[in-house]
N, C-alpha and C. Protein backbone atom coordinates (compact mmCIF):
# COMPACT_ATOMS: atom_id res chain seq x y z
N MET A 1 -18.95 13.04 -14.07
CA MET A 1 -17.68 12.95 -14.78
C MET A 1 -17.63 11.65 -15.57
N ALA A 2 -16.90 11.68 -16.65
CA ALA A 2 -16.79 10.51 -17.51
C ALA A 2 -15.53 9.72 -17.19
N LEU A 3 -15.67 8.40 -17.22
CA LEU A 3 -14.50 7.56 -17.12
C LEU A 3 -13.81 7.55 -18.48
N LEU A 4 -12.49 7.59 -18.44
CA LEU A 4 -11.71 7.60 -19.68
C LEU A 4 -11.26 6.17 -20.00
N PRO A 5 -11.23 5.82 -21.27
CA PRO A 5 -10.70 4.50 -21.62
C PRO A 5 -9.19 4.47 -21.40
N ILE A 6 -8.72 3.40 -20.78
CA ILE A 6 -7.29 3.24 -20.49
C ILE A 6 -6.70 2.33 -21.57
N LEU A 7 -5.66 2.83 -22.23
CA LEU A 7 -4.97 2.02 -23.24
C LEU A 7 -4.34 0.80 -22.58
N GLU A 8 -4.39 -0.33 -23.26
CA GLU A 8 -3.78 -1.54 -22.74
C GLU A 8 -2.69 -2.03 -23.68
N TYR A 9 -1.67 -2.60 -23.09
CA TYR A 9 -0.57 -3.20 -23.84
C TYR A 9 -1.15 -4.21 -24.81
N PRO A 10 -0.72 -4.23 -26.07
CA PRO A 10 0.44 -3.58 -26.69
C PRO A 10 0.10 -2.31 -27.47
N ASP A 11 -0.93 -1.59 -27.10
CA ASP A 11 -1.31 -0.37 -27.82
C ASP A 11 -0.07 0.51 -28.03
N THR A 12 0.15 0.93 -29.26
CA THR A 12 1.34 1.72 -29.60
C THR A 12 1.34 3.09 -28.93
N GLY A 13 0.18 3.57 -28.51
CA GLY A 13 0.12 4.85 -27.81
C GLY A 13 0.90 4.84 -26.51
N LEU A 14 1.05 3.65 -25.92
CA LEU A 14 1.80 3.54 -24.66
C LEU A 14 3.30 3.77 -24.86
N ARG A 15 3.75 3.74 -26.10
CA ARG A 15 5.17 3.94 -26.39
C ARG A 15 5.47 5.35 -26.87
N LYS A 16 4.45 6.20 -26.97
CA LYS A 16 4.66 7.57 -27.40
C LYS A 16 5.23 8.41 -26.25
N VAL A 17 6.10 9.34 -26.60
CA VAL A 17 6.68 10.26 -25.61
C VAL A 17 5.79 11.51 -25.56
N ALA A 18 5.40 11.89 -24.37
CA ALA A 18 4.51 13.03 -24.19
C ALA A 18 5.27 14.35 -24.34
N ALA A 19 4.61 15.33 -24.92
CA ALA A 19 5.19 16.66 -25.10
C ALA A 19 4.91 17.53 -23.87
N PRO A 20 5.76 18.51 -23.60
CA PRO A 20 5.52 19.40 -22.46
C PRO A 20 4.18 20.13 -22.58
N VAL A 21 3.56 20.36 -21.44
CA VAL A 21 2.31 21.11 -21.37
C VAL A 21 2.65 22.60 -21.46
N PRO A 22 2.05 23.32 -22.41
CA PRO A 22 2.33 24.76 -22.52
C PRO A 22 1.68 25.53 -21.37
N ALA A 23 2.26 26.66 -21.02
CA ALA A 23 1.80 27.46 -19.87
C ALA A 23 0.34 27.88 -19.99
N ASP A 24 -0.15 28.14 -21.19
CA ASP A 24 -1.53 28.60 -21.33
C ASP A 24 -2.57 27.49 -21.12
N ARG A 25 -2.12 26.25 -21.04
CA ARG A 25 -3.04 25.11 -20.87
C ARG A 25 -3.65 25.06 -19.47
N PHE A 26 -2.95 25.59 -18.47
CA PHE A 26 -3.43 25.52 -17.09
C PHE A 26 -4.77 26.23 -16.91
N ALA A 27 -4.98 27.32 -17.63
CA ALA A 27 -6.22 28.10 -17.50
C ALA A 27 -7.36 27.52 -18.33
N ASP A 28 -7.10 26.51 -19.11
CA ASP A 28 -8.10 25.91 -19.98
C ASP A 28 -9.05 25.03 -19.16
N PRO A 29 -10.34 25.35 -19.12
CA PRO A 29 -11.29 24.52 -18.37
C PRO A 29 -11.31 23.06 -18.83
N ALA A 30 -11.05 22.82 -20.10
CA ALA A 30 -11.01 21.45 -20.61
C ALA A 30 -9.86 20.66 -19.98
N PHE A 31 -8.73 21.33 -19.74
CA PHE A 31 -7.60 20.67 -19.09
C PHE A 31 -7.95 20.31 -17.65
N GLN A 32 -8.60 21.24 -16.95
CA GLN A 32 -9.00 20.97 -15.56
C GLN A 32 -10.00 19.81 -15.49
N ARG A 33 -10.94 19.76 -16.44
CA ARG A 33 -11.90 18.64 -16.49
C ARG A 33 -11.19 17.32 -16.76
N LEU A 34 -10.22 17.37 -17.67
CA LEU A 34 -9.47 16.16 -17.99
C LEU A 34 -8.75 15.63 -16.75
N LEU A 35 -8.15 16.51 -15.97
CA LEU A 35 -7.50 16.08 -14.73
C LEU A 35 -8.52 15.43 -13.79
N ASP A 36 -9.69 16.04 -13.64
CA ASP A 36 -10.73 15.46 -12.79
C ASP A 36 -11.15 14.09 -13.30
N HIS A 37 -11.30 13.96 -14.62
CA HIS A 37 -11.70 12.68 -15.21
C HIS A 37 -10.60 11.63 -15.03
N MET A 38 -9.36 12.07 -15.07
CA MET A 38 -8.26 11.12 -14.84
C MET A 38 -8.28 10.60 -13.41
N PHE A 39 -8.54 11.48 -12.45
CA PHE A 39 -8.64 11.01 -11.06
C PHE A 39 -9.79 10.01 -10.93
N GLN A 40 -10.94 10.34 -11.48
CA GLN A 40 -12.08 9.44 -11.38
C GLN A 40 -11.74 8.09 -12.01
N THR A 41 -11.13 8.12 -13.17
CA THR A 41 -10.76 6.89 -13.87
C THR A 41 -9.77 6.08 -13.04
N MET A 42 -8.78 6.75 -12.48
CA MET A 42 -7.77 6.07 -11.65
C MET A 42 -8.41 5.43 -10.43
N TYR A 43 -9.26 6.18 -9.74
CA TYR A 43 -9.89 5.65 -8.53
C TYR A 43 -10.81 4.48 -8.84
N GLU A 44 -11.54 4.57 -9.94
CA GLU A 44 -12.49 3.51 -10.30
C GLU A 44 -11.77 2.25 -10.76
N ALA A 45 -10.57 2.37 -11.30
CA ALA A 45 -9.89 1.25 -11.96
C ALA A 45 -9.67 0.00 -11.09
N PRO A 46 -9.26 -0.01 -9.88
CA PRO A 46 -8.66 1.04 -9.07
C PRO A 46 -7.14 1.06 -9.24
N GLY A 47 -6.58 2.26 -9.15
CA GLY A 47 -5.14 2.41 -9.24
C GLY A 47 -4.66 3.52 -8.34
N ILE A 48 -3.33 3.71 -8.31
CA ILE A 48 -2.74 4.77 -7.48
C ILE A 48 -2.04 5.82 -8.33
N GLY A 49 -1.98 5.61 -9.63
CA GLY A 49 -1.37 6.58 -10.53
C GLY A 49 -1.88 6.38 -11.94
N LEU A 50 -1.92 7.48 -12.70
CA LEU A 50 -2.37 7.41 -14.08
C LEU A 50 -1.67 8.52 -14.86
N ALA A 51 -0.97 8.14 -15.91
CA ALA A 51 -0.30 9.12 -16.77
C ALA A 51 -1.18 9.44 -17.96
N SER A 52 -1.03 10.64 -18.49
CA SER A 52 -1.84 11.08 -19.62
C SER A 52 -1.75 10.15 -20.82
N THR A 53 -0.58 9.59 -21.06
CA THR A 53 -0.41 8.71 -22.21
C THR A 53 -1.26 7.45 -22.09
N GLN A 54 -1.62 7.06 -20.88
CA GLN A 54 -2.46 5.88 -20.68
C GLN A 54 -3.90 6.13 -21.10
N VAL A 55 -4.27 7.41 -21.23
CA VAL A 55 -5.63 7.75 -21.67
C VAL A 55 -5.58 8.46 -23.02
N ASP A 56 -4.54 8.12 -23.80
CA ASP A 56 -4.43 8.56 -25.19
C ASP A 56 -4.31 10.07 -25.34
N THR A 57 -3.60 10.70 -24.39
CA THR A 57 -3.32 12.13 -24.41
C THR A 57 -1.81 12.28 -24.25
N TYR A 58 -1.18 13.03 -25.12
CA TYR A 58 0.28 12.99 -25.17
C TYR A 58 0.92 14.30 -24.74
N GLU A 59 0.50 14.76 -23.56
CA GLU A 59 1.12 15.90 -22.88
C GLU A 59 1.65 15.38 -21.55
N ARG A 60 2.70 16.02 -21.03
CA ARG A 60 3.40 15.52 -19.83
C ARG A 60 2.67 15.89 -18.54
N PHE A 61 1.73 15.05 -18.16
CA PHE A 61 1.10 15.22 -16.85
C PHE A 61 0.59 13.88 -16.35
N MET A 62 0.41 13.80 -15.04
CA MET A 62 -0.03 12.56 -14.41
C MET A 62 -0.73 12.88 -13.11
N VAL A 63 -1.55 11.95 -12.66
CA VAL A 63 -2.24 12.09 -11.39
C VAL A 63 -1.85 10.90 -10.51
N ILE A 64 -1.74 11.15 -9.21
CA ILE A 64 -1.32 10.12 -8.26
C ILE A 64 -2.06 10.33 -6.94
N ASP A 65 -2.42 9.23 -6.31
CA ASP A 65 -2.89 9.24 -4.92
C ASP A 65 -2.58 7.87 -4.34
N VAL A 66 -1.54 7.79 -3.52
CA VAL A 66 -1.12 6.50 -2.97
C VAL A 66 -1.77 6.20 -1.62
N THR A 67 -2.65 7.08 -1.15
CA THR A 67 -3.27 6.86 0.15
C THR A 67 -4.41 5.86 0.05
N GLU A 68 -4.60 5.09 1.11
CA GLU A 68 -5.72 4.14 1.16
C GLU A 68 -7.06 4.87 1.23
N THR A 69 -7.06 6.06 1.82
CA THR A 69 -8.29 6.83 1.97
C THR A 69 -8.61 7.66 0.72
N ARG A 70 -7.70 7.69 -0.23
CA ARG A 70 -7.88 8.40 -1.50
C ARG A 70 -8.23 9.88 -1.27
N ASP A 71 -7.48 10.48 -0.38
CA ASP A 71 -7.77 11.87 -0.04
C ASP A 71 -6.57 12.80 -0.18
N GLN A 72 -5.54 12.34 -0.90
CA GLN A 72 -4.37 13.18 -1.13
C GLN A 72 -3.99 13.16 -2.60
N PRO A 73 -4.90 13.65 -3.45
CA PRO A 73 -4.63 13.65 -4.89
C PRO A 73 -3.51 14.61 -5.25
N LEU A 74 -2.60 14.13 -6.08
CA LEU A 74 -1.47 14.94 -6.53
C LEU A 74 -1.48 15.02 -8.04
N VAL A 75 -1.26 16.21 -8.56
CA VAL A 75 -1.13 16.42 -10.00
C VAL A 75 0.31 16.86 -10.26
N PHE A 76 0.94 16.23 -11.24
CA PHE A 76 2.29 16.57 -11.65
C PHE A 76 2.24 16.93 -13.13
N VAL A 77 2.52 18.18 -13.44
CA VAL A 77 2.56 18.64 -14.83
C VAL A 77 4.02 18.94 -15.17
N ASN A 78 4.47 18.42 -16.30
CA ASN A 78 5.86 18.56 -16.74
C ASN A 78 6.85 18.12 -15.64
N PRO A 79 6.63 16.92 -15.08
CA PRO A 79 7.50 16.47 -13.99
C PRO A 79 8.91 16.12 -14.46
N THR A 80 9.86 16.39 -13.58
CA THR A 80 11.26 16.06 -13.83
C THR A 80 11.85 15.53 -12.54
N ILE A 81 12.54 14.42 -12.62
CA ILE A 81 13.26 13.91 -11.45
C ILE A 81 14.62 14.58 -11.42
N ARG A 82 14.87 15.35 -10.37
CA ARG A 82 16.11 16.12 -10.25
C ARG A 82 17.21 15.34 -9.55
N ASP A 83 16.83 14.39 -8.70
CA ASP A 83 17.83 13.61 -7.98
C ASP A 83 17.22 12.28 -7.59
N ARG A 84 18.07 11.26 -7.53
CA ARG A 84 17.66 9.92 -7.11
C ARG A 84 18.62 9.46 -6.03
N SER A 85 18.09 8.80 -5.01
CA SER A 85 18.96 8.28 -3.97
C SER A 85 19.74 7.09 -4.50
N ALA A 86 20.88 6.83 -3.88
CA ALA A 86 21.67 5.65 -4.23
C ALA A 86 21.01 4.39 -3.69
N ASP A 87 20.17 4.57 -2.64
CA ASP A 87 19.46 3.43 -2.07
C ASP A 87 18.37 2.98 -3.03
N LEU A 88 18.33 1.67 -3.26
CA LEU A 88 17.34 1.12 -4.16
C LEU A 88 16.27 0.38 -3.37
N ARG A 89 15.11 0.24 -4.00
CA ARG A 89 13.98 -0.44 -3.37
C ARG A 89 13.34 -1.34 -4.42
N VAL A 90 13.05 -2.57 -4.02
CA VAL A 90 12.31 -3.48 -4.88
C VAL A 90 10.85 -3.40 -4.47
N HIS A 91 10.00 -3.15 -5.45
CA HIS A 91 8.57 -3.06 -5.17
C HIS A 91 7.83 -3.88 -6.23
N THR A 92 6.81 -4.58 -5.82
CA THR A 92 5.99 -5.30 -6.77
C THR A 92 5.06 -4.31 -7.44
N GLU A 93 5.28 -4.11 -8.73
CA GLU A 93 4.51 -3.12 -9.48
C GLU A 93 3.47 -3.79 -10.36
N GLY A 94 2.40 -3.07 -10.56
CA GLY A 94 1.37 -3.44 -11.51
C GLY A 94 1.08 -2.20 -12.33
N CYS A 95 0.18 -2.32 -13.29
CA CYS A 95 -0.10 -1.19 -14.17
C CYS A 95 -1.51 -1.33 -14.73
N LEU A 96 -2.25 -0.22 -14.74
CA LEU A 96 -3.60 -0.24 -15.28
C LEU A 96 -3.60 -0.57 -16.77
N SER A 97 -2.48 -0.36 -17.45
CA SER A 97 -2.38 -0.67 -18.87
C SER A 97 -1.93 -2.11 -19.14
N ILE A 98 -1.56 -2.81 -18.08
CA ILE A 98 -1.19 -4.23 -18.17
C ILE A 98 -1.93 -4.93 -17.04
N PRO A 99 -3.26 -4.95 -17.09
CA PRO A 99 -4.06 -5.39 -15.96
C PRO A 99 -3.82 -6.85 -15.56
N GLY A 100 -3.69 -7.04 -14.24
CA GLY A 100 -3.54 -8.38 -13.69
C GLY A 100 -2.12 -8.90 -13.66
N VAL A 101 -1.17 -8.14 -14.17
CA VAL A 101 0.22 -8.57 -14.21
C VAL A 101 1.01 -7.75 -13.19
N PHE A 102 1.80 -8.45 -12.38
CA PHE A 102 2.61 -7.81 -11.35
C PHE A 102 4.01 -8.39 -11.40
N ALA A 103 5.01 -7.56 -11.12
CA ALA A 103 6.40 -8.03 -11.11
C ALA A 103 7.24 -7.11 -10.24
N ASP A 104 8.31 -7.67 -9.70
CA ASP A 104 9.24 -6.90 -8.88
C ASP A 104 10.12 -6.03 -9.77
N VAL A 105 10.17 -4.73 -9.43
CA VAL A 105 10.98 -3.76 -10.17
C VAL A 105 11.86 -3.02 -9.15
N THR A 106 13.11 -2.83 -9.50
CA THR A 106 14.03 -2.09 -8.63
C THR A 106 14.13 -0.66 -9.12
N ARG A 107 13.90 0.26 -8.20
CA ARG A 107 13.98 1.70 -8.51
C ARG A 107 14.66 2.42 -7.34
N ALA A 108 14.99 3.68 -7.55
CA ALA A 108 15.53 4.50 -6.47
C ALA A 108 14.49 4.59 -5.35
N ASP A 109 14.95 4.43 -4.11
CA ASP A 109 14.02 4.49 -2.98
C ASP A 109 13.55 5.91 -2.71
N GLY A 110 14.40 6.88 -3.00
CA GLY A 110 14.04 8.28 -2.79
C GLY A 110 14.36 9.11 -4.01
N ILE A 111 13.53 10.11 -4.25
CA ILE A 111 13.74 11.00 -5.40
C ILE A 111 13.39 12.43 -5.01
N VAL A 112 13.89 13.35 -5.80
CA VAL A 112 13.47 14.75 -5.75
C VAL A 112 12.79 15.01 -7.09
N VAL A 113 11.52 15.38 -7.05
CA VAL A 113 10.78 15.63 -8.28
C VAL A 113 10.31 17.08 -8.31
N GLU A 114 10.47 17.71 -9.46
CA GLU A 114 9.97 19.06 -9.68
C GLU A 114 8.85 18.98 -10.71
N ALA A 115 7.83 19.78 -10.51
CA ALA A 115 6.69 19.78 -11.43
C ALA A 115 5.88 21.05 -11.20
N PHE A 116 4.78 21.13 -11.94
CA PHE A 116 3.79 22.18 -11.72
C PHE A 116 2.52 21.50 -11.24
N ASP A 117 1.77 22.19 -10.38
CA ASP A 117 0.48 21.64 -9.96
C ASP A 117 -0.57 21.93 -11.03
N ARG A 118 -1.80 21.59 -10.78
CA ARG A 118 -2.86 21.73 -11.79
C ARG A 118 -3.12 23.18 -12.19
N HIS A 119 -2.66 24.13 -11.37
CA HIS A 119 -2.90 25.55 -11.65
C HIS A 119 -1.65 26.26 -12.19
N GLY A 120 -0.56 25.50 -12.39
CA GLY A 120 0.65 26.06 -12.96
C GLY A 120 1.66 26.55 -11.95
N LYS A 121 1.44 26.24 -10.67
CA LYS A 121 2.39 26.65 -9.63
C LYS A 121 3.49 25.59 -9.51
N ALA A 122 4.74 26.05 -9.61
CA ALA A 122 5.88 25.14 -9.51
C ALA A 122 6.02 24.62 -8.07
N PHE A 123 6.45 23.35 -7.96
CA PHE A 123 6.72 22.78 -6.64
C PHE A 123 7.81 21.73 -6.77
N GLU A 124 8.39 21.41 -5.62
CA GLU A 124 9.40 20.36 -5.54
C GLU A 124 9.02 19.46 -4.37
N LEU A 125 9.11 18.15 -4.57
CA LEU A 125 8.83 17.19 -3.51
C LEU A 125 10.02 16.26 -3.34
N ILE A 126 10.33 15.98 -2.09
CA ILE A 126 11.32 14.95 -1.77
C ILE A 126 10.50 13.79 -1.23
N VAL A 127 10.51 12.68 -1.96
CA VAL A 127 9.65 11.55 -1.59
C VAL A 127 10.44 10.26 -1.58
N ASP A 128 9.92 9.29 -0.85
CA ASP A 128 10.53 7.97 -0.84
C ASP A 128 9.44 6.91 -0.79
N GLY A 129 9.87 5.66 -0.75
CA GLY A 129 8.92 4.56 -0.64
C GLY A 129 7.96 4.46 -1.81
N LEU A 130 6.71 4.13 -1.49
CA LEU A 130 5.70 3.89 -2.51
C LEU A 130 5.47 5.10 -3.41
N LEU A 131 5.43 6.30 -2.84
CA LEU A 131 5.20 7.49 -3.66
C LEU A 131 6.35 7.69 -4.65
N ALA A 132 7.59 7.46 -4.21
CA ALA A 132 8.73 7.59 -5.12
C ALA A 132 8.62 6.56 -6.25
N THR A 133 8.23 5.34 -5.92
CA THR A 133 8.05 4.30 -6.93
C THR A 133 6.98 4.71 -7.92
N CYS A 134 5.87 5.20 -7.43
CA CYS A 134 4.75 5.57 -8.28
C CYS A 134 5.13 6.74 -9.21
N VAL A 135 5.80 7.74 -8.67
CA VAL A 135 6.22 8.88 -9.50
C VAL A 135 7.13 8.40 -10.63
N GLN A 136 8.10 7.55 -10.29
CA GLN A 136 9.02 7.04 -11.31
C GLN A 136 8.27 6.21 -12.37
N HIS A 137 7.33 5.39 -11.93
CA HIS A 137 6.53 4.56 -12.84
C HIS A 137 5.73 5.43 -13.81
N GLU A 138 5.07 6.47 -13.29
CA GLU A 138 4.24 7.32 -14.14
C GLU A 138 5.08 8.19 -15.08
N ILE A 139 6.23 8.68 -14.60
CA ILE A 139 7.12 9.45 -15.50
C ILE A 139 7.61 8.54 -16.62
N ASP A 140 7.88 7.27 -16.29
CA ASP A 140 8.26 6.33 -17.35
C ASP A 140 7.17 6.29 -18.43
N HIS A 141 5.90 6.26 -18.02
CA HIS A 141 4.81 6.27 -19.01
C HIS A 141 4.92 7.49 -19.93
N LEU A 142 5.20 8.64 -19.35
CA LEU A 142 5.30 9.87 -20.14
C LEU A 142 6.48 9.81 -21.12
N ASP A 143 7.44 8.94 -20.82
CA ASP A 143 8.61 8.75 -21.68
C ASP A 143 8.45 7.53 -22.60
N GLY A 144 7.26 6.92 -22.60
CA GLY A 144 7.01 5.77 -23.47
C GLY A 144 7.58 4.46 -22.96
N LYS A 145 7.83 4.39 -21.67
CA LYS A 145 8.44 3.20 -21.08
C LYS A 145 7.44 2.53 -20.12
N LEU A 146 7.46 1.20 -20.08
CA LEU A 146 6.57 0.44 -19.22
C LEU A 146 7.37 -0.33 -18.17
N PHE A 147 6.73 -0.69 -17.07
CA PHE A 147 7.46 -1.39 -16.01
C PHE A 147 8.00 -2.74 -16.49
N ILE A 148 7.35 -3.36 -17.46
CA ILE A 148 7.85 -4.64 -17.96
C ILE A 148 9.18 -4.49 -18.70
N ASP A 149 9.52 -3.26 -19.09
CA ASP A 149 10.81 -3.01 -19.75
C ASP A 149 11.98 -3.22 -18.80
N TYR A 150 11.72 -3.20 -17.50
CA TYR A 150 12.77 -3.41 -16.50
C TYR A 150 13.02 -4.89 -16.22
N LEU A 151 12.15 -5.75 -16.75
CA LEU A 151 12.25 -7.18 -16.47
C LEU A 151 13.23 -7.86 -17.42
N SER A 152 13.78 -8.97 -16.97
CA SER A 152 14.62 -9.78 -17.86
C SER A 152 13.73 -10.30 -18.99
N PRO A 153 14.31 -10.68 -20.12
CA PRO A 153 13.49 -11.21 -21.22
C PRO A 153 12.61 -12.38 -20.78
N LEU A 154 13.12 -13.26 -19.95
CA LEU A 154 12.34 -14.41 -19.50
C LEU A 154 11.15 -13.96 -18.65
N LYS A 155 11.39 -13.07 -17.69
CA LYS A 155 10.29 -12.59 -16.83
C LYS A 155 9.28 -11.77 -17.63
N ARG A 156 9.75 -10.96 -18.58
CA ARG A 156 8.85 -10.18 -19.42
C ARG A 156 7.95 -11.12 -20.24
N ASP A 157 8.56 -12.16 -20.81
CA ASP A 157 7.81 -13.14 -21.60
C ASP A 157 6.74 -13.82 -20.74
N ARG A 158 7.10 -14.19 -19.53
CA ARG A 158 6.12 -14.81 -18.61
C ARG A 158 4.99 -13.85 -18.29
N ALA A 159 5.34 -12.58 -18.03
CA ALA A 159 4.33 -11.58 -17.70
C ALA A 159 3.35 -11.39 -18.86
N LEU A 160 3.88 -11.34 -20.07
CA LEU A 160 3.02 -11.12 -21.24
C LEU A 160 2.17 -12.34 -21.55
N LYS A 161 2.70 -13.52 -21.27
CA LYS A 161 1.88 -14.75 -21.43
C LYS A 161 0.75 -14.75 -20.40
N LYS A 162 1.04 -14.28 -19.21
CA LYS A 162 -0.02 -14.20 -18.19
C LYS A 162 -1.09 -13.21 -18.63
N LEU A 163 -0.68 -12.06 -19.19
CA LEU A 163 -1.63 -11.07 -19.68
C LEU A 163 -2.52 -11.68 -20.76
N GLU A 164 -1.90 -12.42 -21.68
CA GLU A 164 -2.67 -13.05 -22.75
C GLU A 164 -3.68 -14.05 -22.18
N LYS A 165 -3.27 -14.81 -21.20
CA LYS A 165 -4.17 -15.79 -20.56
C LYS A 165 -5.32 -15.09 -19.85
N LEU A 166 -5.01 -14.00 -19.16
CA LEU A 166 -6.05 -13.24 -18.47
C LEU A 166 -7.06 -12.66 -19.47
N ARG A 167 -6.55 -12.18 -20.59
CA ARG A 167 -7.44 -11.62 -21.62
C ARG A 167 -8.36 -12.67 -22.19
N LYS A 168 -7.86 -13.88 -22.40
CA LYS A 168 -8.69 -14.97 -22.91
C LYS A 168 -9.80 -15.30 -21.93
N GLY A 169 -9.51 -15.17 -20.65
CA GLY A 169 -10.50 -15.43 -19.61
C GLY A 169 -11.59 -14.36 -19.55
N ARG A 170 -11.26 -13.13 -20.02
CA ARG A 170 -12.25 -12.03 -20.03
C ARG A 170 -13.22 -12.14 -21.18
N ASP A 171 -12.77 -12.75 -22.26
CA ASP A 171 -13.60 -12.81 -23.48
C ASP A 171 -14.79 -13.74 -23.35
């Protein structure tokens, strides 16, 4: 399988809103391969979630595996958050598209998410904790939003300066 290039901030592709996946796409072998390549890319990065927009594909799907053993891969196609708990959770988030930058983000601790699996079967999950944070983070990607958008202007500026410094160190 091929590793996919991950777009990095400030690539304008990260701000594009993904279109719904049509029903006939599930039977497409190329779509199934793309999902497999996304998992491989996510695991190698390493990360716990990857949205299609991060790999320059603008359809509404994402892959997630928050387990340490990397043995519970989840595919969400056309995901929608149907409910959010009133309880909030602060989690230190990072992003494969903003490598090396981490910041505290407040999100709903629990959510109800509806989606289709990789074969087009509808499902609903009630999740909390890290998985809820990850689902919300990846859906934000599909909507053209990044975790740094939740930060105050001062914290966002610091995060982006850190990213710039890290990039200079890579060159």
